[in-house]
Amino acid sequence: MSKHAFVVAVSEYQTENNLLGVKEDVPTILPVLTNYGFNDVEVIQDEKATQENIILGLNTLVKGRKPGDICIFYFSGHGFLLPKNFLGNNDPDGRDEALVPYEGVLSSLILDNCLGEFFENSIP
């Protein structure tokens, strides 16, 4: 069994909707992960936390994992709740939730359904 983590923290956004408290999250979560035996931890922050880099990091997180391995994805930054039926989703409440990467625009959002499908299809 191996333990892997991917930590994303966005405190400064391209669109200036900054979150000052997020700066404290990485130095807080890293010792916790280390304490629980996670020695393979990738961290990206702020301008490096683009949609593309987050997706690449998620792929790296799960690549080659075996049953019994533990993977943690930790995101600290803005989230977004889209209007009802915005994308014609099939969520019970008719709404999509999303992570907001550094770009901070609608086209860069990482939707909950996409994350769910990714993890369902990528992890043994």
N, C-alpha and C. Protein backbone atom coordinates (compact mmCIF):
# COMPACT_ATOMS: atom_id res chain seq x y z
N MET A 1 0.84 -1.18 0.00
CA MET A 1 0.00 0.00 0.00
C MET A 1 0.88 1.25 0.00
N SER A 2 0.55 2.17 -0.87
CA SER A 2 1.27 3.44 -0.91
C SER A 2 0.30 4.59 -0.70
N LYS A 3 0.83 5.73 -0.29
CA LYS A 3 0.00 6.89 0.01
C LYS A 3 0.49 8.08 -0.81
N HIS A 4 -0.45 8.71 -1.51
CA HIS A 4 -0.12 9.82 -2.41
C HIS A 4 -1.13 10.94 -2.19
N ALA A 5 -0.65 12.19 -2.31
CA ALA A 5 -1.55 13.33 -2.15
C ALA A 5 -1.24 14.40 -3.18
N PHE A 6 -2.28 15.09 -3.58
CA PHE A 6 -2.18 16.23 -4.49
C PHE A 6 -2.90 17.39 -3.82
N VAL A 7 -2.12 18.43 -3.50
CA VAL A 7 -2.63 19.58 -2.76
C VAL A 7 -2.65 20.79 -3.68
N VAL A 8 -3.81 21.41 -3.79
CA VAL A 8 -3.98 22.61 -4.61
C VAL A 8 -4.49 23.73 -3.71
N ALA A 9 -3.83 24.89 -3.78
CA ALA A 9 -4.25 26.04 -2.98
C ALA A 9 -4.21 27.29 -3.85
N VAL A 10 -5.35 27.96 -3.95
CA VAL A 10 -5.43 29.17 -4.76
C VAL A 10 -5.86 30.31 -3.84
N SER A 11 -4.90 31.15 -3.49
CA SER A 11 -5.23 32.32 -2.68
C SER A 11 -5.26 33.59 -3.53
N GLU A 12 -4.50 33.59 -4.63
CA GLU A 12 -4.46 34.75 -5.52
C GLU A 12 -4.93 34.31 -6.90
N TYR A 13 -6.05 34.90 -7.32
CA TYR A 13 -6.67 34.55 -8.59
C TYR A 13 -6.33 35.57 -9.67
N GLN A 14 -6.32 35.11 -10.90
CA GLN A 14 -6.12 35.98 -12.04
C GLN A 14 -7.19 37.06 -12.09
N THR A 15 -8.39 36.73 -11.62
CA THR A 15 -9.52 37.67 -11.67
C THR A 15 -9.61 38.55 -10.42
N GLU A 16 -8.65 38.46 -9.54
CA GLU A 16 -8.53 39.30 -8.34
C GLU A 16 -9.55 38.99 -7.25
N ASN A 17 -10.20 37.86 -7.28
CA ASN A 17 -11.11 37.45 -6.20
C ASN A 17 -10.31 36.64 -5.19
N ASN A 18 -9.33 37.28 -4.56
CA ASN A 18 -8.35 36.59 -3.73
C ASN A 18 -8.93 36.13 -2.39
N LEU A 19 -8.29 35.11 -1.83
CA LEU A 19 -8.68 34.54 -0.55
C LEU A 19 -7.45 34.53 0.36
N LEU A 20 -7.37 35.47 1.27
CA LEU A 20 -6.18 35.61 2.11
C LEU A 20 -5.92 34.40 3.00
N GLY A 21 -6.97 33.80 3.55
CA GLY A 21 -6.80 32.69 4.48
C GLY A 21 -6.20 31.43 3.88
N VAL A 22 -6.31 31.28 2.56
CA VAL A 22 -5.79 30.07 1.90
C VAL A 22 -4.28 29.95 2.04
N LYS A 23 -3.59 31.06 2.19
CA LYS A 23 -2.12 31.03 2.34
C LYS A 23 -1.70 30.17 3.53
N GLU A 24 -2.56 30.02 4.51
CA GLU A 24 -2.24 29.22 5.70
C GLU A 24 -2.55 27.74 5.53
N ASP A 25 -3.29 27.39 4.50
CA ASP A 25 -3.75 26.01 4.37
C ASP A 25 -2.64 25.01 4.02
N VAL A 26 -1.77 25.38 3.11
CA VAL A 26 -0.70 24.44 2.72
C VAL A 26 0.23 24.15 3.90
N PRO A 27 0.75 25.18 4.60
CA PRO A 27 1.61 24.85 5.74
C PRO A 27 0.88 24.12 6.86
N THR A 28 -0.44 24.17 6.86
CA THR A 28 -1.21 23.45 7.87
C THR A 28 -1.45 21.99 7.47
N ILE A 29 -1.77 21.75 6.19
CA ILE A 29 -2.11 20.39 5.76
C ILE A 29 -0.87 19.50 5.57
N LEU A 30 0.25 20.07 5.16
CA LEU A 30 1.43 19.23 4.88
C LEU A 30 1.90 18.44 6.09
N PRO A 31 2.01 19.02 7.29
CA PRO A 31 2.41 18.20 8.44
C PRO A 31 1.39 17.11 8.78
N VAL A 32 0.12 17.38 8.54
CA VAL A 32 -0.92 16.37 8.79
C VAL A 32 -0.70 15.18 7.85
N LEU A 33 -0.48 15.48 6.57
CA LEU A 33 -0.25 14.40 5.61
C LEU A 33 1.01 13.61 5.98
N THR A 34 2.07 14.31 6.34
CA THR A 34 3.32 13.64 6.73
C THR A 34 3.09 12.76 7.96
N ASN A 35 2.34 13.27 8.91
CA ASN A 35 2.04 12.52 10.13
C ASN A 35 1.30 11.22 9.83
N TYR A 36 0.51 11.21 8.76
CA TYR A 36 -0.23 10.00 8.38
C TYR A 36 0.50 9.17 7.32
N GLY A 37 1.77 9.47 7.11
CA GLY A 37 2.59 8.61 6.26
C GLY A 37 2.56 8.93 4.78
N PHE A 38 2.07 10.09 4.41
CA PHE A 38 2.08 10.49 3.00
C PHE A 38 3.44 11.12 2.71
N ASN A 39 4.23 10.42 1.90
CA ASN A 39 5.54 10.98 1.55
C ASN A 39 5.62 11.37 0.07
N ASP A 40 4.60 11.04 -0.69
CA ASP A 40 4.51 11.45 -2.10
C ASP A 40 3.41 12.50 -2.19
N VAL A 41 3.81 13.77 -2.06
CA VAL A 41 2.85 14.87 -2.03
C VAL A 41 3.26 15.91 -3.07
N GLU A 42 2.36 16.19 -4.00
CA GLU A 42 2.57 17.26 -4.98
C GLU A 42 1.73 18.46 -4.54
N VAL A 43 2.34 19.66 -4.59
CA VAL A 43 1.65 20.88 -4.21
C VAL A 43 1.74 21.88 -5.36
N ILE A 44 0.59 22.45 -5.73
CA ILE A 44 0.61 23.58 -6.66
C ILE A 44 -0.21 24.71 -6.05
N GLN A 45 0.25 25.93 -6.28
CA GLN A 45 -0.40 27.08 -5.68
C GLN A 45 -0.55 28.22 -6.69
N ASP A 46 -1.55 29.04 -6.44
CA ASP A 46 -1.80 30.29 -7.14
C ASP A 46 -1.66 30.15 -8.65
N GLU A 47 -0.78 30.91 -9.30
CA GLU A 47 -0.74 30.95 -10.77
C GLU A 47 -0.42 29.59 -11.40
N LYS A 48 0.12 28.66 -10.62
CA LYS A 48 0.38 27.32 -11.15
C LYS A 48 -0.86 26.42 -11.05
N ALA A 49 -1.86 26.86 -10.30
CA ALA A 49 -3.07 26.07 -10.08
C ALA A 49 -4.11 26.36 -11.16
N THR A 50 -3.71 26.21 -12.41
CA THR A 50 -4.62 26.41 -13.54
C THR A 50 -5.45 25.15 -13.74
N GLN A 51 -6.51 25.29 -14.52
CA GLN A 51 -7.34 24.13 -14.84
C GLN A 51 -6.48 23.01 -15.43
N GLU A 52 -5.63 23.36 -16.38
CA GLU A 52 -4.79 22.35 -17.03
C GLU A 52 -3.86 21.67 -16.04
N ASN A 53 -3.22 22.43 -15.16
CA ASN A 53 -2.29 21.84 -14.20
C ASN A 53 -3.00 21.01 -13.14
N ILE A 54 -4.20 21.41 -12.76
CA ILE A 54 -4.96 20.61 -11.80
C ILE A 54 -5.34 19.27 -12.42
N ILE A 55 -5.79 19.29 -13.65
CA ILE A 55 -6.16 18.04 -14.33
C ILE A 55 -4.93 17.15 -14.52
N LEU A 56 -3.80 17.75 -14.90
CA LEU A 56 -2.56 16.97 -15.01
C LEU A 56 -2.16 16.37 -13.67
N GLY A 57 -2.28 17.15 -12.61
CA GLY A 57 -1.94 16.67 -11.28
C GLY A 57 -2.84 15.54 -10.82
N LEU A 58 -4.13 15.63 -11.14
CA LEU A 58 -5.05 14.55 -10.79
C LEU A 58 -4.70 13.28 -11.54
N ASN A 59 -4.35 13.41 -12.81
CA ASN A 59 -3.94 12.23 -13.58
C ASN A 59 -2.68 11.60 -12.99
N THR A 60 -1.74 12.43 -12.59
CA THR A 60 -0.51 11.92 -11.97
C THR A 60 -0.83 11.25 -10.64
N LEU A 61 -1.75 11.83 -9.88
CA LEU A 61 -2.12 11.27 -8.58
C LEU A 61 -2.61 9.83 -8.69
N VAL A 62 -3.39 9.53 -9.70
CA VAL A 62 -4.00 8.19 -9.79
C VAL A 62 -3.25 7.23 -10.71
N LYS A 63 -2.33 7.74 -11.50
CA LYS A 63 -1.64 6.90 -12.48
C LYS A 63 -0.85 5.79 -11.80
N GLY A 64 -1.11 4.58 -12.24
CA GLY A 64 -0.37 3.42 -11.75
C GLY A 64 -0.75 2.96 -10.35
N ARG A 65 -1.81 3.49 -9.80
CA ARG A 65 -2.20 3.06 -8.45
C ARG A 65 -2.83 1.68 -8.49
N LYS A 66 -2.68 1.01 -7.34
CA LYS A 66 -3.19 -0.36 -7.21
C LYS A 66 -4.25 -0.40 -6.11
N PRO A 67 -5.09 -1.44 -6.12
CA PRO A 67 -6.05 -1.57 -5.02
C PRO A 67 -5.33 -1.53 -3.67
N GLY A 68 -5.86 -0.76 -2.75
CA GLY A 68 -5.25 -0.62 -1.43
C GLY A 68 -4.43 0.65 -1.29
N ASP A 69 -4.00 1.24 -2.40
CA ASP A 69 -3.29 2.51 -2.33
C ASP A 69 -4.25 3.60 -1.86
N ILE A 70 -3.71 4.60 -1.23
CA ILE A 70 -4.52 5.71 -0.74
C ILE A 70 -4.11 6.98 -1.47
N CYS A 71 -5.10 7.67 -2.02
CA CYS A 71 -4.87 8.94 -2.72
C CYS A 71 -5.76 10.01 -2.10
N ILE A 72 -5.16 11.16 -1.84
CA ILE A 72 -5.92 12.30 -1.33
C ILE A 72 -5.76 13.47 -2.30
N PHE A 73 -6.89 14.07 -2.63
CA PHE A 73 -6.91 15.32 -3.39
C PHE A 73 -7.45 16.38 -2.44
N TYR A 74 -6.64 17.40 -2.19
CA TYR A 74 -7.02 18.48 -1.28
C TYR A 74 -7.04 19.78 -2.07
N PHE A 75 -8.17 20.47 -2.04
CA PHE A 75 -8.31 21.74 -2.76
C PHE A 75 -8.72 22.82 -1.78
N SER A 76 -8.00 23.93 -1.80
CA SER A 76 -8.36 25.10 -1.02
C SER A 76 -8.42 26.28 -1.97
N GLY A 77 -9.59 26.85 -2.08
CA GLY A 77 -9.81 27.97 -2.98
C GLY A 77 -11.30 28.18 -3.14
N HIS A 78 -11.67 28.98 -4.12
CA HIS A 78 -13.09 29.22 -4.35
C HIS A 78 -13.79 27.98 -4.90
N GLY A 79 -15.03 27.83 -4.51
CA GLY A 79 -15.94 26.88 -5.12
C GLY A 79 -17.07 27.69 -5.74
N PHE A 80 -17.85 27.05 -6.56
CA PHE A 80 -18.92 27.77 -7.24
C PHE A 80 -20.13 26.86 -7.41
N LEU A 81 -21.30 27.39 -7.17
CA LEU A 81 -22.55 26.67 -7.37
C LEU A 81 -23.23 27.28 -8.59
N LEU A 82 -23.34 26.48 -9.66
CA LEU A 82 -23.94 26.99 -10.89
C LEU A 82 -25.45 27.06 -10.75
N PRO A 83 -26.10 27.94 -11.53
CA PRO A 83 -27.56 28.04 -11.49
C PRO A 83 -28.21 26.72 -11.88
N LYS A 84 -29.45 26.53 -11.42
CA LYS A 84 -30.18 25.30 -11.73
C LYS A 84 -30.21 25.03 -13.23
N ASN A 85 -29.94 23.78 -13.57
CA ASN A 85 -30.00 23.29 -14.96
C ASN A 85 -29.15 24.10 -15.93
N PHE A 86 -28.09 24.73 -15.44
CA PHE A 86 -27.22 25.56 -16.28
C PHE A 86 -26.63 24.76 -17.43
N LEU A 87 -26.19 23.56 -17.14
CA LEU A 87 -25.57 22.73 -18.18
C LEU A 87 -26.41 21.49 -18.48
N GLY A 88 -27.67 21.51 -18.08
CA GLY A 88 -28.54 20.37 -18.33
C GLY A 88 -28.08 19.12 -17.61
N ASN A 89 -27.52 19.29 -16.42
CA ASN A 89 -26.99 18.13 -15.71
C ASN A 89 -28.13 17.28 -15.14
N ASN A 90 -27.74 16.11 -14.65
CA ASN A 90 -28.75 15.21 -14.09
C ASN A 90 -28.61 15.07 -12.58
N ASP A 91 -28.01 16.07 -11.93
CA ASP A 91 -27.93 16.05 -10.46
C ASP A 91 -29.33 16.10 -9.87
N PRO A 92 -29.55 15.43 -8.74
CA PRO A 92 -30.88 15.45 -8.13
C PRO A 92 -31.39 16.87 -7.85
N ASP A 93 -30.49 17.77 -7.49
CA ASP A 93 -30.92 19.15 -7.21
C ASP A 93 -30.85 20.04 -8.45
N GLY A 94 -30.43 19.48 -9.59
CA GLY A 94 -30.38 20.24 -10.83
C GLY A 94 -29.25 21.25 -10.91
N ARG A 95 -28.29 21.17 -9.98
CA ARG A 95 -27.21 22.15 -9.93
C ARG A 95 -25.85 21.45 -9.94
N ASP A 96 -24.92 22.09 -10.60
CA ASP A 96 -23.53 21.63 -10.57
C ASP A 96 -22.74 22.49 -9.58
N GLU A 97 -21.82 21.83 -8.89
CA GLU A 97 -20.85 22.53 -8.06
C GLU A 97 -19.53 22.44 -8.79
N ALA A 98 -18.63 23.39 -8.50
CA ALA A 98 -17.36 23.40 -9.22
C ALA A 98 -16.24 23.94 -8.36
N LEU A 99 -15.02 23.48 -8.66
CA LEU A 99 -13.81 24.08 -8.12
C LEU A 99 -13.41 25.21 -9.06
N VAL A 100 -12.87 26.28 -8.50
CA VAL A 100 -12.46 27.42 -9.31
C VAL A 100 -10.93 27.48 -9.33
N PRO A 101 -10.31 27.15 -10.47
CA PRO A 101 -8.86 27.25 -10.57
C PRO A 101 -8.41 28.71 -10.71
N TYR A 102 -7.13 28.91 -10.83
CA TYR A 102 -6.51 30.24 -10.87
C TYR A 102 -7.16 31.18 -11.87
N GLU A 103 -7.54 30.68 -13.04
CA GLU A 103 -8.09 31.56 -14.08
C GLU A 103 -9.37 32.26 -13.60
N GLY A 104 -10.17 31.59 -12.79
CA GLY A 104 -11.34 32.18 -12.18
C GLY A 104 -12.47 32.56 -13.12
N VAL A 105 -12.55 31.90 -14.27
CA VAL A 105 -13.61 32.21 -15.24
C VAL A 105 -14.45 30.95 -15.48
N LEU A 106 -15.65 31.16 -16.02
CA LEU A 106 -16.59 30.06 -16.22
C LEU A 106 -15.99 28.91 -17.02
N SER A 107 -15.25 29.21 -18.06
CA SER A 107 -14.70 28.16 -18.91
C SER A 107 -13.60 27.34 -18.22
N SER A 108 -13.09 27.82 -17.09
CA SER A 108 -12.03 27.09 -16.40
C SER A 108 -12.54 26.24 -15.24
N LEU A 109 -13.82 26.33 -14.91
CA LEU A 109 -14.36 25.60 -13.77
C LEU A 109 -14.16 24.09 -13.93
N ILE A 110 -13.92 23.43 -12.81
CA ILE A 110 -13.80 21.97 -12.79
C ILE A 110 -15.03 21.44 -12.08
N LEU A 111 -15.95 20.88 -12.86
CA LEU A 111 -17.26 20.49 -12.34
C LEU A 111 -17.22 19.22 -11.50
N ASP A 112 -18.12 19.17 -10.52
CA ASP A 112 -18.19 18.01 -9.63
C ASP A 112 -18.47 16.72 -10.39
N ASN A 113 -19.33 16.77 -11.39
CA ASN A 113 -19.63 15.56 -12.17
C ASN A 113 -18.39 15.05 -12.90
N CYS A 114 -17.60 15.98 -13.42
CA CYS A 114 -16.36 15.58 -14.11
C CYS A 114 -15.39 14.94 -13.14
N LEU A 115 -15.26 15.51 -11.94
CA LEU A 115 -14.39 14.92 -10.93
C LEU A 115 -14.89 13.54 -10.52
N GLY A 116 -16.19 13.42 -10.33
CA GLY A 116 -16.76 12.13 -9.95
C GLY A 116 -16.50 11.05 -10.98
N GLU A 117 -16.73 11.38 -12.25
CA GLU A 117 -16.48 10.42 -13.33
C GLU A 117 -14.99 10.08 -13.41
N PHE A 118 -14.16 11.11 -13.26
CA PHE A 118 -12.71 10.87 -13.33
C PHE A 118 -12.28 9.87 -12.26
N PHE A 119 -12.66 10.11 -11.01
CA PHE A 119 -12.24 9.22 -9.95
C PHE A 119 -12.87 7.84 -10.09
N GLU A 120 -14.11 7.78 -10.49
CA GLU A 120 -14.78 6.48 -10.66
C GLU A 120 -14.09 5.64 -11.74
N ASN A 121 -13.63 6.28 -12.79
CA ASN A 121 -13.03 5.55 -13.91
C ASN A 121 -11.51 5.41 -13.83
N SER A 122 -10.88 6.09 -12.89
CA SER A 122 -9.41 6.13 -12.87
C SER A 122 -8.77 5.39 -11.70
N ILE A 123 -9.54 5.06 -10.70
CA ILE A 123 -8.97 4.46 -9.49
C ILE A 123 -9.42 3.01 -9.42
N PRO A 124 -8.44 2.10 -9.21
CA PRO A 124 -8.82 0.67 -9.11
C PRO A 124 -9.67 0.38 -7.88
